[in-house]
Amino acid sequence: MKLITSNEVATIIGQTQRNVAYLVKANKITPAITLANGHYLFNENDVLLFNSKKLNYAK
């Protein structure tokens, strides 16, 4: 399991870091770990799966 930052998530899904934080608060995507400073780390496979579902809805 590779963990990635919200910045990397934003790049993968084509959104901003702010939108990634919104997606977390809206329970659309779940971080693997929330650090003590409030930053998130995500499982890369979960993000890729989320992105593939998002792309399928756009079609």
C-alpha atoms as a PDB file:
ATOM      1  CA  MET A   1       0.000   0.000   0.000  1.00  0.00           C
ATOM      2  CA  LYS A   2       1.519   3.267  -1.144  1.00  0.00           C
ATOM      3  CA  LEU A   3       0.372   6.369   0.725  1.00  0.00           C
ATOM      4  CA  ILE A   4       0.115   9.665  -1.115  1.00  0.00           C
ATOM      5  CA  THR A   5      -0.544  13.246  -0.045  1.00  0.00           C
ATOM      6  CA  SER A   6      -3.595  15.344  -0.808  1.00  0.00           C
ATOM      7  CA  ASN A   7      -1.484  17.301  -3.302  1.00  0.00           C
ATOM      8  CA  GLU A   8      -0.757  14.083  -5.202  1.00  0.00           C
ATOM      9  CA  VAL A   9      -4.450  13.137  -5.012  1.00  0.00           C
ATOM     10  CA  ALA A  10      -5.383  16.528  -6.452  1.00  0.00           C
ATOM     11  CA  THR A  11      -3.022  15.958  -9.371  1.00  0.00           C
ATOM     12  CA  ILE A  12      -4.388  12.473 -10.066  1.00  0.00           C
ATOM     13  CA  ILE A  13      -8.055  13.496 -10.032  1.00  0.00           C
ATOM     14  CA  GLY A  14      -7.521  16.867 -11.708  1.00  0.00           C
ATOM     15  CA  GLN A  15      -8.766  18.973  -8.803  1.00  0.00           C
ATOM     16  CA  THR A  16      -7.312  21.365  -6.231  1.00  0.00           C
ATOM     17  CA  GLN A  17      -6.192  20.441  -2.726  1.00  0.00           C
ATOM     18  CA  ARG A  18      -9.158  22.415  -1.432  1.00  0.00           C
ATOM     19  CA  ASN A  19     -11.518  20.212  -3.453  1.00  0.00           C
ATOM     20  CA  VAL A  20      -9.808  17.115  -2.054  1.00  0.00           C
ATOM     21  CA  ALA A  21     -10.517  18.396   1.466  1.00  0.00           C
ATOM     22  CA  TYR A  22     -14.142  18.985   0.444  1.00  0.00           C
ATOM     23  CA  LEU A  23     -14.395  15.427  -0.913  1.00  0.00           C
ATOM     24  CA  VAL A  24     -13.129  14.095   2.421  1.00  0.00           C
ATOM     25  CA  LYS A  25     -15.648  16.164   4.404  1.00  0.00           C
ATOM     26  CA  ALA A  26     -18.445  15.039   2.037  1.00  0.00           C
ATOM     27  CA  ASN A  27     -17.409  11.381   2.576  1.00  0.00           C
ATOM     28  CA  LYS A  28     -16.725  10.922  -1.134  1.00  0.00           C
ATOM     29  CA  ILE A  29     -13.145   9.780  -0.505  1.00  0.00           C
ATOM     30  CA  THR A  30     -11.633   8.482   2.732  1.00  0.00           C
ATOM     31  CA  PRO A  31      -8.060   9.115   3.825  1.00  0.00           C
ATOM     32  CA  ALA A  32      -6.066   6.115   5.025  1.00  0.00           C
ATOM     33  CA  ILE A  33      -4.476   8.225   7.769  1.00  0.00           C
ATOM     34  CA  THR A  34      -5.188  11.606   9.302  1.00  0.00           C
ATOM     35  CA  LEU A  35      -2.006  13.061  10.766  1.00  0.00           C
ATOM     36  CA  ALA A  36      -1.870  14.967  14.057  1.00  0.00           C
ATOM     37  CA  ASN A  37      -1.555  18.251  12.135  1.00  0.00           C
ATOM     38  CA  GLY A  38      -4.808  17.514  10.235  1.00  0.00           C
ATOM     39  CA  HIS A  39      -3.170  16.566   6.950  1.00  0.00           C
ATOM     40  CA  TYR A  40      -4.350  13.465   5.135  1.00  0.00           C
ATOM     41  CA  LEU A  41      -2.574  10.524   3.553  1.00  0.00           C
ATOM     42  CA  PHE A  42      -4.467   8.399   1.048  1.00  0.00           C
ATOM     43  CA  ASN A  43      -4.082   4.881  -0.265  1.00  0.00           C
ATOM     44  CA  GLU A  44      -3.041   5.318  -3.889  1.00  0.00           C
ATOM     45  CA  ASN A  45      -5.215   2.400  -5.065  1.00  0.00           C
ATOM     46  CA  ASP A  46      -8.314   3.956  -3.441  1.00  0.00           C
ATOM     47  CA  VAL A  47      -7.633   7.226  -5.251  1.00  0.00           C
ATOM     48  CA  LEU A  48      -7.164   5.485  -8.598  1.00  0.00           C
ATOM     49  CA  LEU A  49     -10.433   3.601  -8.066  1.00  0.00           C
ATOM     50  CA  PHE A  50     -12.224   6.841  -7.130  1.00  0.00           C
ATOM     51  CA  ASN A  51     -10.843   8.539 -10.235  1.00  0.00           C
ATOM     52  CA  SER A  52     -11.920   5.693 -12.525  1.00  0.00           C
ATOM     53  CA  LYS A  53     -15.463   5.842 -11.117  1.00  0.00           C
ATOM     54  CA  LYS A  54     -15.495   9.627 -11.542  1.00  0.00           C
ATOM     55  CA  LEU A  55     -14.427   9.283 -15.167  1.00  0.00           C
ATOM     56  CA  ASN A  56     -17.117   6.666 -15.832  1.00  0.00           C
ATOM     57  CA  TYR A  57     -19.835   9.013 -14.511  1.00  0.00           C
ATOM     58  CA  ALA A  58     -18.620  11.766 -16.826  1.00  0.00           C
ATOM     59  CA  LYS A  59     -19.262   9.638 -19.926  1.00  0.00           C
END
